[in-house]
Protein backbone atom coordinates (compact mmCIF):
# COMPACT_ATOMS: atom_id res chain seq x y z
CA MET A 1 6.64 35.54 -3.89
CA LYS A 2 8.77 34.81 -0.83
CA LYS A 3 5.72 33.32 0.90
CA TYR A 4 5.15 30.85 -1.98
CA LEU A 5 8.83 29.91 -2.14
CA MET A 6 8.88 29.12 1.60
CA ALA A 7 5.70 27.06 1.32
CA GLY A 8 7.20 25.04 -1.52
CA LEU A 9 10.45 24.48 0.35
CA MET A 10 8.61 23.41 3.49
CA ALA A 11 6.43 20.97 1.55
CA GLY A 12 9.52 19.45 -0.06
CA CYS A 13 11.23 19.06 3.31
CA LEU A 14 8.23 17.54 5.03
CA VAL A 15 7.69 14.79 2.49
CA PRO A 16 10.97 14.18 0.63
CA GLY A 17 10.60 11.56 -2.05
CA HIS A 18 7.09 10.66 -0.91
CA SER A 19 4.82 9.45 -3.68
CA TRP A 20 1.23 10.36 -2.95
CA ALA A 21 -1.44 8.05 -4.33
CA GLN A 22 -3.93 9.84 -6.54
CA GLN A 23 -7.62 9.16 -5.85
CA LEU A 24 -9.55 8.29 -9.02
CA LYS A 25 -13.13 7.99 -10.16
CA GLU A 26 -13.96 4.56 -11.57
CA THR A 27 -14.54 6.14 -14.97
CA ASN A 28 -10.85 7.17 -15.03
CA VAL A 29 -9.66 3.58 -14.58
CA PRO A 30 -8.83 1.76 -17.84
CA PRO A 31 -11.49 -0.78 -18.91
CA ALA A 32 -8.86 -3.58 -18.94
CA VAL A 33 -8.13 -2.93 -15.24
CA ARG A 34 -11.80 -2.86 -14.25
CA SER A 35 -12.44 -6.03 -16.25
CA GLU A 36 -9.57 -7.94 -14.63
CA LEU A 37 -10.68 -6.86 -11.15
CA THR A 38 -14.20 -8.15 -11.84
CA LYS A 39 -12.87 -11.46 -13.20
CA LYS A 40 -10.39 -12.03 -10.37
CA TYR A 41 -12.52 -10.68 -7.49
CA PRO A 42 -16.21 -10.86 -8.51
CA SER A 43 -17.48 -10.28 -4.97
CA ALA A 44 -15.50 -7.04 -4.47
CA ALA A 45 -17.90 -4.21 -3.63
CA GLY A 46 -17.62 -0.60 -2.53
CA ILE A 47 -14.38 -0.20 -4.46
CA SER A 48 -12.28 2.95 -4.27
CA TRP A 49 -9.54 3.55 -6.83
CA GLU A 50 -6.08 5.11 -6.64
CA LYS A 51 -3.27 5.56 -9.11
CA GLU A 52 0.08 4.77 -7.53
CA LYS A 53 3.47 4.51 -9.22
CA GLY A 54 1.76 4.37 -12.61
CA ASN A 55 -0.44 1.42 -11.62
CA TYR A 56 -4.09 1.22 -10.56
CA GLU A 57 -5.06 0.13 -7.06
CA ALA A 58 -8.52 -1.04 -6.04
CA ASN A 59 -9.43 -0.99 -2.32
CA TRP A 60 -12.47 -2.52 -0.65
CA GLY A 61 -13.79 -4.23 2.47
CA GLY A 62 -13.74 -3.73 6.21
CA LYS A 63 -14.45 -0.62 8.26
CA SER A 64 -11.75 1.40 6.51
CA GLY A 65 -12.71 0.21 3.04
CA GLU A 66 -9.15 -1.02 2.62
CA ASP A 67 -9.09 -4.54 4.05
CA HIS A 68 -8.26 -5.72 0.53
CA SER A 69 -6.05 -3.91 -1.92
CA VAL A 70 -5.21 -5.11 -5.42
CA MET A 71 -2.85 -3.50 -7.90
CA PHE A 72 -2.89 -3.81 -11.70
CA THR A 73 -0.78 -2.32 -14.48
CA PRO A 74 -2.59 0.02 -16.93
CA ALA A 75 -2.95 -3.01 -19.26
CA GLY A 76 -4.84 -4.93 -16.56
CA ILE A 77 -1.99 -7.24 -15.52
CA PHE A 78 -2.19 -8.29 -11.87
CA VAL A 79 0.74 -7.00 -9.77
CA GLU A 80 -0.11 -7.80 -6.15
CA LYS A 81 -2.77 -8.17 -3.50
CA VAL A 82 -2.53 -6.89 0.07
CA ASP A 83 -4.88 -8.27 2.74
CA ALA A 84 -5.07 -6.39 6.04
CA ILE A 85 -4.07 -8.53 9.02
CA PRO A 86 -3.89 -7.84 12.75
CA VAL A 87 -0.51 -6.40 13.78
CA SER A 88 -0.19 -9.40 16.12
CA SER A 89 -0.19 -11.71 13.06
CA LEU A 90 3.04 -10.28 11.64
CA PRO A 91 6.08 -12.59 11.80
CA SER A 92 7.90 -12.27 15.15
CA GLY A 93 10.99 -10.54 13.73
CA VAL A 94 8.97 -7.53 12.57
CA ALA A 95 8.31 -6.13 16.05
CA ALA A 96 11.98 -6.51 16.99
CA TYR A 97 13.09 -4.70 13.83
CA VAL A 98 10.66 -1.83 14.38
CA LYS A 99 11.70 -1.50 18.03
CA ALA A 100 15.40 -1.37 17.07
CA HIS A 101 15.09 0.95 14.07
CA TYR A 102 12.12 3.13 15.05
CA PRO A 103 12.35 3.52 18.85
CA GLY A 104 9.02 4.38 20.42
CA ALA A 105 7.12 4.00 17.13
CA LYS A 106 4.05 1.84 16.77
CA ILE A 107 3.01 -0.32 13.84
CA ILE A 108 -0.14 1.39 12.57
CA GLU A 109 -1.33 -1.19 10.02
CA ALA A 110 -0.22 -4.60 8.82
CA GLY A 111 -0.80 -6.55 5.65
CA LYS A 112 -0.02 -9.82 3.93
CA VAL A 113 1.26 -9.13 0.41
CA THR A 114 1.00 -11.71 -2.36
CA ASP A 115 2.55 -10.91 -5.73
CA ALA A 116 1.67 -12.24 -9.20
CA GLN A 117 4.03 -15.21 -8.78
CA GLY A 118 2.39 -16.20 -5.49
CA LYS A 119 5.31 -15.03 -3.34
CA THR A 120 4.24 -13.73 0.06
CA CYS A 121 5.76 -11.03 2.23
CA TYR A 122 4.47 -8.80 5.00
CA GLU A 123 3.95 -5.05 5.21
CA ALA A 124 4.06 -2.95 8.37
CA GLU A 125 3.19 0.75 8.31
CA VAL A 126 5.44 2.71 10.65
CA LYS A 127 5.74 6.51 10.72
CA GLY A 128 4.04 6.80 7.32
CA LYS A 129 6.36 4.26 5.69
CA ASP A 130 5.51 0.79 4.43
CA LEU A 131 8.21 -1.61 5.60
CA LEU A 132 8.38 -4.99 3.86
CA PHE A 133 9.48 -8.23 5.55
CA ASP A 134 9.83 -11.86 4.51
CA ASP A 135 7.83 -14.65 6.16
CA LYS A 136 10.48 -14.96 8.89
CA GLY A 137 10.25 -11.26 9.78
CA VAL A 138 13.54 -10.28 8.10
CA PHE A 139 13.48 -6.73 6.73
CA ILE A 140 13.45 -6.51 2.91
CA LYS A 141 12.97 -2.84 2.04
CA ILE A 142 10.89 0.32 2.44
CA ASP A 143 8.21 0.36 -0.22
């Protein structure tokens, strides 16, 4: 019993508040979501699905299979799209922020995020966190 309690405590300490995305089979994705993806992105192929924060995320393209990521609500309403970009394409303020707030850390991945209203921001993955920035490189929040 003690062994299981320690394992649970360690897991909670290692990933406090972290929300893991759940991998899904396409058959477990609501038809409305699959339909909207096909309408909005008819050329998307090799799609993998995840459930994250109650929404459905489709990923496809590139070597990692995640060059494009699109999120929909369970009703099939478009939430946002993230396109992978080179780290060097992030706004200039991003690197300065990361250097100041995460000394010695590297930006692992970068993305251009466009929401349903057409508003754009940028995402930088640092130490397992997705940091969001505006188009001038000003920090917005941790997603």
